[in-house]
Amino acid sequence: HKYNDGGGPYEHEAVRTVNYVTHDIGIVSNFTKLIDLTIWAAPLNGRYPILFNSFPLLESLKISNCGCLIWHLDYLVSCPVLKELYCEGTPMQGNINCLRVLKDTLESISIGETLVGTHMIEGNLMDLADFPHLKDLFMFTVDRVKGDIRDIGENDFPMLEELDLSCCKAIIGSQHYSFQRISDVPAFMNDVHRLLKRNIMNDRCQWSLSEDQSPDWYEAEVNNNEDEEIPGPPFDIRLVQAGPRLGWAWGFHTYIGDDSPCDSCEINWLDPEPDRDSSDYE
């Protein structure tokens, strides 16, 4: 079984399913008062504007694992009260500034892809910075959207509670960002100090020195004694918090049961030490 092919379908999929029993997806356009629409692993092939321009009251749109469904962000202009957008495992096209038509309604945006480079969306992270109700922003392997988390000012993303930019190669400071030089890190950490104080991405940061591109990288010492544990080079960055005080340190990640680097070097504090008489002093 499958739904009727949409506009510009993938030819290989159309040929593969040519003898399938076909159902008319257009019937869903009758549900004009729909508030929540979830499309999961649906046998769709091509473009289906009807899935987006028939529901003016839609508040939540979730699309997952529809590998042959092609849709463009500008379709969302027909969903003027949308609050939640979730899309993963499904080809998407357009510029994220198309979402600005939903600036006053969007509360959650989640765009992810399991295969790097399959998303065709572009734009700049800061195109979403003035969304007054946006609480959650997740992007995974969206490698054509550019940006720099150092550009996020204290008045940007005013309601944001969680920011996850995993494997977004074109965004400086994204969750798995790799630095070219050790000397670049202190200034970067000072620049993002204010953002880290908001604690919207701290537990997701996995910054490190680039193994492939940094001239400062060197291999770990070879250990020929199985009974002796030799730590690797401290090329992972660990965030440290003591009360309200934030800092960071280089460390070595053992990758054994813990997501945080261990065997840390000296802590570089971003906040001054509190007064000994302060309640923040420990």
C-alpha atoms as a PDB file:
ATOM      1  CA  HIS A   1       0.000   0.000   0.000  1.00  0.00           C
ATOM      2  CA  LYS A   2       1.017   3.597  -0.588  1.00  0.00           C
ATOM      3  CA  TYR A   3      -0.453   7.064  -1.029  1.00  0.00           C
ATOM      4  CA  ASN A   4      -0.693   8.628  -4.452  1.00  0.00           C
ATOM      5  CA  ASP A   5       2.568  10.159  -5.645  1.00  0.00           C
ATOM      6  CA  GLY A   6       2.946  13.880  -5.131  1.00  0.00           C
ATOM      7  CA  GLY A   7       4.569  16.493  -7.330  1.00  0.00           C
ATOM      8  CA  GLY A   8       8.125  15.801  -8.491  1.00  0.00           C
ATOM      9  CA  PRO A   9       8.350  12.309  -6.963  1.00  0.00           C
ATOM     10  CA  TYR A  10      11.563  10.334  -6.699  1.00  0.00           C
ATOM     11  CA  GLU A  11      11.592   8.232  -9.856  1.00  0.00           C
ATOM     12  CA  HIS A  12      13.220   5.186  -8.287  1.00  0.00           C
ATOM     13  CA  GLU A  13      10.533   5.062  -5.571  1.00  0.00           C
ATOM     14  CA  ALA A  14       7.722   5.580  -8.071  1.00  0.00           C
ATOM     15  CA  VAL A  15       9.007   2.660 -10.150  1.00  0.00           C
ATOM     16  CA  ARG A  16       9.482   0.441  -7.102  1.00  0.00           C
ATOM     17  CA  THR A  17       5.923   0.998  -5.895  1.00  0.00           C
ATOM     18  CA  VAL A  18       4.144   1.177  -9.263  1.00  0.00           C
ATOM     19  CA  ASN A  19       2.029  -1.910  -8.531  1.00  0.00           C
ATOM     20  CA  TYR A  20       1.135  -0.969  -4.954  1.00  0.00           C
ATOM     21  CA  VAL A  21      -2.478  -0.347  -3.956  1.00  0.00           C
ATOM     22  CA  THR A  22      -2.792   3.447  -3.972  1.00  0.00           C
ATOM     23  CA  HIS A  23      -4.779   5.580  -1.518  1.00  0.00           C
ATOM     24  CA  ASP A  24      -5.757   9.216  -1.945  1.00  0.00           C
ATOM     25  CA  ILE A  25      -3.921  11.364   0.610  1.00  0.00           C
ATOM     26  CA  GLY A  26      -6.094  14.306  -0.395  1.00  0.00           C
ATOM     27  CA  ILE A  27      -8.877  13.083   1.880  1.00  0.00           C
ATOM     28  CA  VAL A  28      -7.088  14.591   4.872  1.00  0.00           C
ATOM     29  CA  SER A  29      -7.832  18.077   3.527  1.00  0.00           C
ATOM     30  CA  ASN A  30     -11.395  17.618   4.787  1.00  0.00           C
ATOM     31  CA  PHE A  31     -10.212  17.931   8.377  1.00  0.00           C
ATOM     32  CA  THR A  32      -9.970  21.699   8.287  1.00  0.00           C
ATOM     33  CA  LYS A  33     -10.173  22.096  12.072  1.00  0.00           C
ATOM     34  CA  LEU A  34      -7.210  19.815  12.748  1.00  0.00           C
ATOM     35  CA  ILE A  35      -4.976  21.065  15.557  1.00  0.00           C
ATOM     36  CA  ASP A  36      -2.338  18.322  15.758  1.00  0.00           C
ATOM     37  CA  LEU A  37      -0.884  16.495  12.731  1.00  0.00           C
ATOM     38  CA  THR A  38       1.718  13.724  12.991  1.00  0.00           C
ATOM     39  CA  ILE A  39       3.098  12.056   9.859  1.00  0.00           C
ATOM     40  CA  TRP A  40       5.307   9.085  10.723  1.00  0.00           C
ATOM     41  CA  ALA A  41       6.901   6.693   8.213  1.00  0.00           C
ATOM     42  CA  ALA A  42       4.120   7.398   5.735  1.00  0.00           C
ATOM     43  CA  PRO A  43       4.541   5.959   2.179  1.00  0.00           C
ATOM     44  CA  LEU A  44       4.587   9.374   0.534  1.00  0.00           C
ATOM     45  CA  ASN A  45       6.694  10.299  -2.494  1.00  0.00           C
ATOM     46  CA  GLY A  46       7.139  13.872  -3.700  1.00  0.00           C
ATOM     47  CA  ARG A  47       5.558  17.191  -2.726  1.00  0.00           C
ATOM     48  CA  TYR A  48       2.134  17.483  -1.127  1.00  0.00           C
ATOM     49  CA  PRO A  49       1.208  21.141  -0.519  1.00  0.00           C
ATOM     50  CA  ILE A  50      -2.252  19.922   0.459  1.00  0.00           C
ATOM     51  CA  LEU A  51      -0.793  18.576   3.694  1.00  0.00           C
ATOM     52  CA  PHE A  52       0.109  22.093   4.736  1.00  0.00           C
ATOM     53  CA  ASN A  53      -2.444  24.469   3.198  1.00  0.00           C
ATOM     54  CA  SER A  54      -5.599  22.786   4.500  1.00  0.00           C
ATOM     55  CA  PHE A  55      -5.240  23.312   8.243  1.00  0.00           C
ATOM     56  CA  PRO A  56      -5.415  26.974   9.317  1.00  0.00           C
ATOM     57  CA  LEU A  57      -5.892  25.971  12.983  1.00  0.00           C
ATOM     58  CA  LEU A  58      -2.880  23.628  13.142  1.00  0.00           C
ATOM     59  CA  GLU A  59      -0.763  24.118  16.283  1.00  0.00           C
ATOM     60  CA  SER A  60       1.520  21.080  16.151  1.00  0.00           C
ATOM     61  CA  LEU A  61       3.181  19.532  13.086  1.00  0.00           C
ATOM     62  CA  LYS A  62       5.424  16.479  13.464  1.00  0.00           C
ATOM     63  CA  ILE A  63       6.992  14.731  10.466  1.00  0.00           C
ATOM     64  CA  SER A  64       9.272  11.762  11.028  1.00  0.00           C
ATOM     65  CA  ASN A  65      10.983   9.124   8.879  1.00  0.00           C
ATOM     66  CA  CYS A  66       9.295  10.017   5.595  1.00  0.00           C
ATOM     67  CA  GLY A  67      12.363   9.660   3.414  1.00  0.00           C
ATOM     68  CA  CYS A  68      10.628  10.447   0.101  1.00  0.00           C
ATOM     69  CA  LEU A  69       8.374  13.262   1.297  1.00  0.00           C
ATOM     70  CA  ILE A  70       9.742  16.564  -0.022  1.00  0.00           C
ATOM     71  CA  TRP A  71       8.511  19.752   1.581  1.00  0.00           C
ATOM     72  CA  HIS A  72       9.512  23.389   1.718  1.00  0.00           C
ATOM     73  CA  LEU A  73       9.512  25.616   4.767  1.00  0.00           C
ATOM     74  CA  ASP A  74       7.481  28.252   2.961  1.00  0.00           C
ATOM     75  CA  TYR A  75       4.506  25.837   3.009  1.00  0.00           C
ATOM     76  CA  LEU A  76       4.094  26.836   6.661  1.00  0.00           C
ATOM     77  CA  VAL A  77       2.697  30.218   5.692  1.00  0.00           C
ATOM     78  CA  SER A  78      -0.633  28.361   5.565  1.00  0.00           C
ATOM     79  CA  CYS A  79      -0.336  27.399   9.260  1.00  0.00           C
ATOM     80  CA  PRO A  80      -0.560  30.829  10.915  1.00  0.00           C
ATOM     81  CA  VAL A  81      -0.996  29.612  14.517  1.00  0.00           C
ATOM     82  CA  LEU A  82       1.626  26.826  14.529  1.00  0.00           C
ATOM     83  CA  LYS A  83       3.376  26.452  17.899  1.00  0.00           C
ATOM     84  CA  GLU A  84       5.383  23.248  17.490  1.00  0.00           C
ATOM     85  CA  LEU A  85       7.427  22.138  14.472  1.00  0.00           C
ATOM     86  CA  TYR A  86       9.204  18.785  14.532  1.00  0.00           C
ATOM     87  CA  CYS A  87      10.876  17.215  11.505  1.00  0.00           C
ATOM     88  CA  GLU A  88      13.471  14.443  11.391  1.00  0.00           C
ATOM     89  CA  GLY A  89      14.443  11.819   8.864  1.00  0.00           C
ATOM     90  CA  THR A  90      12.587  13.701   6.133  1.00  0.00           C
ATOM     91  CA  PRO A  91      14.036  15.882   3.324  1.00  0.00           C
ATOM     92  CA  MET A  92      13.366  19.564   3.926  1.00  0.00           C
ATOM     93  CA  GLN A  93      14.066  22.575   1.713  1.00  0.00           C
ATOM     94  CA  GLY A  94      14.115  26.343   2.094  1.00  0.00           C
ATOM     95  CA  ASN A  95      15.613  29.049   4.267  1.00  0.00           C
ATOM     96  CA  ILE A  96      14.887  29.165   7.993  1.00  0.00           C
ATOM     97  CA  ASN A  97      13.905  32.797   7.613  1.00  0.00           C
ATOM     98  CA  CYS A  98      10.700  31.369   6.092  1.00  0.00           C
ATOM     99  CA  LEU A  99       9.771  30.619   9.705  1.00  0.00           C
ATOM    100  CA  ARG A 100       9.521  34.329  10.413  1.00  0.00           C
ATOM    101  CA  VAL A 101       5.882  34.252   9.310  1.00  0.00           C
ATOM    102  CA  LEU A 102       5.388  32.237  12.527  1.00  0.00           C
ATOM    103  CA  LYS A 103       7.544  34.499  14.692  1.00  0.00           C
ATOM    104  CA  ASP A 104       4.726  35.316  17.111  1.00  0.00           C
ATOM    105  CA  THR A 105       3.458  31.749  17.579  1.00  0.00           C
ATOM    106  CA  LEU A 106       6.339  29.226  17.444  1.00  0.00           C
ATOM    107  CA  GLU A 107       7.361  27.816  20.824  1.00  0.00           C
ATOM    108  CA  SER A 108       9.341  24.738  19.787  1.00  0.00           C
ATOM    109  CA  ILE A 109      11.474  24.002  16.698  1.00  0.00           C
ATOM    110  CA  SER A 110      13.164  20.645  16.209  1.00  0.00           C
ATOM    111  CA  ILE A 111      14.889  19.853  12.909  1.00  0.00           C
ATOM    112  CA  GLY A 112      17.053  16.765  12.722  1.00  0.00           C
ATOM    113  CA  GLU A 113      18.431  14.334  10.208  1.00  0.00           C
ATOM    114  CA  THR A 114      20.063  10.952  10.663  1.00  0.00           C
ATOM    115  CA  LEU A 115      22.176  11.305   7.504  1.00  0.00           C
ATOM    116  CA  VAL A 116      24.544  14.266   7.371  1.00  0.00           C
ATOM    117  CA  GLY A 117      23.904  16.600   4.479  1.00  0.00           C
ATOM    118  CA  THR A 118      20.418  15.448   3.489  1.00  0.00           C
ATOM    119  CA  HIS A 119      18.736  18.627   4.685  1.00  0.00           C
ATOM    120  CA  MET A 120      18.635  21.359   2.059  1.00  0.00           C
ATOM    121  CA  ILE A 121      17.668  24.184   4.416  1.00  0.00           C
ATOM    122  CA  GLU A 122      19.871  27.249   4.690  1.00  0.00           C
ATOM    123  CA  GLY A 123      19.930  30.505   6.592  1.00  0.00           C
ATOM    124  CA  ASN A 124      21.382  31.978   9.752  1.00  0.00           C
ATOM    125  CA  LEU A 125      20.721  30.983  13.345  1.00  0.00           C
ATOM    126  CA  MET A 126      20.112  34.606  14.293  1.00  0.00           C
ATOM    127  CA  ASP A 127      17.091  34.760  11.981  1.00  0.00           C
ATOM    128  CA  LEU A 128      15.221  33.175  14.911  1.00  0.00           C
ATOM    129  CA  ALA A 129      16.722  35.341  17.668  1.00  0.00           C
ATOM    130  CA  ASP A 130      13.736  37.670  18.083  1.00  0.00           C
ATOM    131  CA  PHE A 131      11.038  34.985  18.324  1.00  0.00           C
ATOM    132  CA  PRO A 132       9.312  36.100  21.550  1.00  0.00           C
ATOM    133  CA  HIS A 133       7.795  32.721  22.536  1.00  0.00           C
ATOM    134  CA  LEU A 134      10.457  30.246  21.380  1.00  0.00           C
ATOM    135  CA  LYS A 135      11.384  27.953  24.288  1.00  0.00           C
ATOM    136  CA  ASP A 136      13.119  24.999  22.612  1.00  0.00           C
ATOM    137  CA  LEU A 137      15.407  25.017  19.586  1.00  0.00           C
ATOM    138  CA  PHE A 138      16.953  21.765  18.370  1.00  0.00           C
ATOM    139  CA  MET A 139      18.976  21.313  15.181  1.00  0.00           C
ATOM    140  CA  PHE A 140      20.854  18.114  14.376  1.00  0.00           C
ATOM    141  CA  THR A 141      23.213  17.744  11.389  1.00  0.00           C
ATOM    142  CA  VAL A 142      21.727  20.850   9.776  1.00  0.00           C
ATOM    143  CA  ASP A 143      25.019  21.759   8.162  1.00  0.00           C
ATOM    144  CA  ARG A 144      23.904  24.555   5.801  1.00  0.00           C
ATOM    145  CA  VAL A 145      22.564  26.863   8.497  1.00  0.00           C
ATOM    146  CA  LYS A 146      25.313  29.252   9.561  1.00  0.00           C
ATOM    147  CA  GLY A 147      25.874  31.187  12.742  1.00  0.00           C
ATOM    148  CA  ASP A 148      28.031  31.900  15.767  1.00  0.00           C
ATOM    149  CA  ILE A 149      26.751  31.501  19.317  1.00  0.00           C
ATOM    150  CA  ARG A 150      28.903  34.481  20.308  1.00  0.00           C
ATOM    151  CA  ASP A 151      26.405  36.644  18.406  1.00  0.00           C
ATOM    152  CA  ILE A 152      23.606  35.712  20.820  1.00  0.00           C
ATOM    153  CA  GLY A 153      23.073  38.800  22.964  1.00  0.00           C
ATOM    154  CA  GLU A 154      21.301  39.106  26.284  1.00  0.00           C
ATOM    155  CA  ASN A 155      18.074  40.192  24.561  1.00  0.00           C
ATOM    156  CA  ASP A 156      18.147  37.459  21.908  1.00  0.00           C
ATOM    157  CA  PHE A 157      16.011  34.320  22.229  1.00  0.00           C
ATOM    158  CA  PRO A 158      14.331  35.923  25.266  1.00  0.00           C
ATOM    159  CA  MET A 159      12.254  32.874  26.302  1.00  0.00           C
ATOM    160  CA  LEU A 160      14.649  30.103  25.250  1.00  0.00           C
ATOM    161  CA  GLU A 161      15.028  27.314  27.812  1.00  0.00           C
ATOM    162  CA  GLU A 162      16.976  24.762  25.790  1.00  0.00           C
ATOM    163  CA  LEU A 163      19.342  25.101  22.829  1.00  0.00           C
ATOM    164  CA  ASP A 164      20.743  22.012  21.091  1.00  0.00           C
ATOM    165  CA  LEU A 165      22.837  22.490  17.939  1.00  0.00           C
ATOM    166  CA  SER A 166      24.374  19.029  17.592  1.00  0.00           C
ATOM    167  CA  CYS A 167      26.671  18.411  14.611  1.00  0.00           C
ATOM    168  CA  CYS A 168      25.801  21.710  12.909  1.00  0.00           C
ATOM    169  CA  LYS A 169      29.152  22.206  11.205  1.00  0.00           C
ATOM    170  CA  ALA A 170      28.525  25.766  10.002  1.00  0.00           C
ATOM    171  CA  ILE A 171      27.580  27.126  13.449  1.00  0.00           C
ATOM    172  CA  ILE A 172      30.569  28.204  15.532  1.00  0.00           C
ATOM    173  CA  GLY A 173      30.098  26.954  19.073  1.00  0.00           C
ATOM    174  CA  SER A 174      27.586  24.250  18.219  1.00  0.00           C
ATOM    175  CA  GLN A 175      27.516  21.265  20.532  1.00  0.00           C
ATOM    176  CA  HIS A 176      30.363  19.311  18.901  1.00  0.00           C
ATOM    177  CA  TYR A 177      32.383  22.276  17.703  1.00  0.00           C
ATOM    178  CA  SER A 178      36.139  21.683  17.338  1.00  0.00           C
ATOM    179  CA  PHE A 179      38.718  24.426  17.790  1.00  0.00           C
ATOM    180  CA  GLN A 180      41.670  24.918  15.451  1.00  0.00           C
ATOM    181  CA  ARG A 181      44.111  26.191  18.079  1.00  0.00           C
ATOM    182  CA  ILE A 182      44.393  25.892  21.842  1.00  0.00           C
ATOM    183  CA  SER A 183      45.015  29.629  21.988  1.00  0.00           C
ATOM    184  CA  ASP A 184      41.564  30.316  20.481  1.00  0.00           C
ATOM    185  CA  VAL A 185      39.687  28.891  23.457  1.00  0.00           C
ATOM    186  CA  PRO A 186      40.177  31.444  26.295  1.00  0.00           C
ATOM    187  CA  ALA A 187      38.788  34.365  24.265  1.00  0.00           C
ATOM    188  CA  PHE A 188      35.915  32.215  23.008  1.00  0.00           C
ATOM    189  CA  MET A 189      34.966  31.145  26.537  1.00  0.00           C
ATOM    190  CA  ASN A 190      35.018  34.748  27.712  1.00  0.00           C
ATOM    191  CA  ASP A 191      32.772  35.736  24.805  1.00  0.00           C
ATOM    192  CA  VAL A 192      30.180  33.035  25.553  1.00  0.00           C
ATOM    193  CA  HIS A 193      30.270  33.525  29.330  1.00  0.00           C
ATOM    194  CA  ARG A 194      27.021  35.484  29.326  1.00  0.00           C
ATOM    195  CA  LEU A 195      25.296  32.779  27.275  1.00  0.00           C
ATOM    196  CA  LEU A 196      26.573  30.039  29.575  1.00  0.00           C
ATOM    197  CA  LYS A 197      25.103  31.903  32.555  1.00  0.00           C
ATOM    198  CA  ARG A 198      21.674  31.380  30.998  1.00  0.00           C
ATOM    199  CA  ASN A 199      22.283  27.602  31.232  1.00  0.00           C
ATOM    200  CA  ILE A 200      20.342  26.765  28.073  1.00  0.00           C
ATOM    201  CA  MET A 201      23.009  24.576  26.475  1.00  0.00           C
ATOM    202  CA  ASN A 202      25.687  23.914  29.116  1.00  0.00           C
ATOM    203  CA  ASP A 203      24.928  20.220  29.662  1.00  0.00           C
ATOM    204  CA  ARG A 204      25.144  19.555  25.916  1.00  0.00           C
ATOM    205  CA  CYS A 205      28.469  21.227  25.146  1.00  0.00           C
ATOM    206  CA  GLN A 206      31.085  18.751  23.918  1.00  0.00           C
ATOM    207  CA  TRP A 207      33.734  21.126  22.627  1.00  0.00           C
ATOM    208  CA  SER A 208      37.216  19.872  21.841  1.00  0.00           C
ATOM    209  CA  LEU A 209      40.396  20.477  19.876  1.00  0.00           C
ATOM    210  CA  SER A 210      40.148  19.376  16.251  1.00  0.00           C
ATOM    211  CA  GLU A 211      41.960  16.097  15.732  1.00  0.00           C
ATOM    212  CA  ASP A 212      41.989  16.481  11.950  1.00  0.00           C
ATOM    213  CA  GLN A 213      42.822  20.161  11.506  1.00  0.00           C
ATOM    214  CA  SER A 214      44.590  21.488  14.587  1.00  0.00           C
ATOM    215  CA  PRO A 215      48.399  21.783  14.469  1.00  0.00           C
ATOM    216  CA  ASP A 216      48.304  21.582  18.291  1.00  0.00           C
ATOM    217  CA  TRP A 217      46.955  18.034  18.286  1.00  0.00           C
ATOM    218  CA  TYR A 218      49.236  15.137  19.150  1.00  0.00           C
ATOM    219  CA  GLU A 219      48.673  11.427  19.603  1.00  0.00           C
ATOM    220  CA  ALA A 220      48.284   9.798  22.996  1.00  0.00           C
ATOM    221  CA  GLU A 221      51.246   7.939  24.428  1.00  0.00           C
ATOM    222  CA  VAL A 222      51.211   4.249  23.579  1.00  0.00           C
ATOM    223  CA  ASN A 223      50.659   2.143  26.679  1.00  0.00           C
ATOM    224  CA  ASN A 224      52.349  -1.259  26.562  1.00  0.00           C
ATOM    225  CA  ASN A 225      51.541  -2.048  30.175  1.00  0.00           C
ATOM    226  CA  GLU A 226      47.957  -3.249  30.536  1.00  0.00           C
ATOM    227  CA  ASP A 227      48.070  -2.732  34.304  1.00  0.00           C
ATOM    228  CA  GLU A 228      49.004   0.934  34.003  1.00  0.00           C
ATOM    229  CA  GLU A 229      46.459   3.511  32.893  1.00  0.00           C
ATOM    230  CA  ILE A 230      47.927   6.429  30.971  1.00  0.00           C
ATOM    231  CA  PRO A 231      45.517   9.326  30.352  1.00  0.00           C
ATOM    232  CA  GLY A 232      45.273  10.727  26.849  1.00  0.00           C
ATOM    233  CA  PRO A 233      46.051  14.326  25.910  1.00  0.00           C
ATOM    234  CA  PRO A 234      43.670  16.867  27.491  1.00  0.00           C
ATOM    235  CA  PHE A 235      41.904  18.037  24.335  1.00  0.00           C
ATOM    236  CA  ASP A 236      38.291  18.044  25.574  1.00  0.00           C
ATOM    237  CA  ILE A 237      36.731  21.073  27.232  1.00  0.00           C
ATOM    238  CA  ARG A 238      34.906  20.602  30.489  1.00  0.00           C
ATOM    239  CA  LEU A 239      32.515  23.178  31.932  1.00  0.00           C
ATOM    240  CA  VAL A 240      32.778  23.594  35.696  1.00  0.00           C
ATOM    241  CA  GLN A 241      30.205  25.100  38.040  1.00  0.00           C
ATOM    242  CA  ALA A 242      30.518  25.821  41.753  1.00  0.00           C
ATOM    243  CA  GLY A 243      27.367  27.483  42.979  1.00  0.00           C
ATOM    244  CA  PRO A 244      26.765  30.437  40.633  1.00  0.00           C
ATOM    245  CA  ARG A 245      30.431  30.478  39.582  1.00  0.00           C
ATOM    246  CA  LEU A 246      31.318  29.157  36.105  1.00  0.00           C
ATOM    247  CA  GLY A 247      34.625  28.050  34.706  1.00  0.00           C
ATOM    248  CA  TRP A 248      36.184  25.659  32.241  1.00  0.00           C
ATOM    249  CA  ALA A 249      39.134  23.317  31.969  1.00  0.00           C
ATOM    250  CA  TRP A 250      40.886  21.151  29.441  1.00  0.00           C
ATOM    251  CA  GLY A 251      40.496  17.458  30.141  1.00  0.00           C
ATOM    252  CA  PHE A 252      40.759  13.944  28.790  1.00  0.00           C
ATOM    253  CA  HIS A 253      37.602  11.985  28.044  1.00  0.00           C
ATOM    254  CA  THR A 254      37.734   8.317  28.992  1.00  0.00           C
ATOM    255  CA  TYR A 255      34.408   7.568  27.277  1.00  0.00           C
ATOM    256  CA  ILE A 256      33.629   5.012  29.970  1.00  0.00           C
ATOM    257  CA  GLY A 257      30.166   5.518  31.411  1.00  0.00           C
ATOM    258  CA  ASP A 258      30.370   9.300  31.545  1.00  0.00           C
ATOM    259  CA  ASP A 259      29.720  12.073  29.052  1.00  0.00           C
ATOM    260  CA  SER A 260      32.048  14.530  30.799  1.00  0.00           C
ATOM    261  CA  PRO A 261      35.815  14.806  30.359  1.00  0.00           C
ATOM    262  CA  CYS A 262      37.832  13.645  33.340  1.00  0.00           C
ATOM    263  CA  ASP A 263      41.483  13.999  34.389  1.00  0.00           C
ATOM    264  CA  SER A 264      41.042  17.764  34.069  1.00  0.00           C
ATOM    265  CA  CYS A 265      43.707  20.419  34.006  1.00  0.00           C
ATOM    266  CA  GLU A 266      43.577  23.636  36.010  1.00  0.00           C
ATOM    267  CA  ILE A 267      40.190  25.388  36.076  1.00  0.00           C
ATOM    268  CA  ASN A 268      39.920  28.748  34.319  1.00  0.00           C
ATOM    269  CA  TRP A 269      37.212  30.636  36.200  1.00  0.00           C
ATOM    270  CA  LEU A 270      34.961  33.003  34.264  1.00  0.00           C
ATOM    271  CA  ASP A 271      33.355  34.471  37.391  1.00  0.00           C
ATOM    272  CA  PRO A 272      35.282  36.041  40.271  1.00  0.00           C
ATOM    273  CA  GLU A 273      35.528  34.211  43.567  1.00  0.00           C
ATOM    274  CA  PRO A 274      32.609  35.234  45.812  1.00  0.00           C
ATOM    275  CA  ASP A 275      33.249  37.074  49.030  1.00  0.00           C
ATOM    276  CA  ARG A 276      33.943  34.747  51.946  1.00  0.00           C
ATOM    277  CA  ASP A 277      30.957  36.183  53.805  1.00  0.00           C
ATOM    278  CA  SER A 278      28.644  35.578  50.846  1.00  0.00           C
ATOM    279  CA  SER A 279      26.095  32.768  50.839  1.00  0.00           C
ATOM    280  CA  ASP A 280      27.598  31.720  47.495  1.00  0.00           C
ATOM    281  CA  TYR A 281      30.976  30.956  49.070  1.00  0.00           C
ATOM    282  CA  GLU A 282      31.594  27.245  49.613  1.00  0.00           C
END
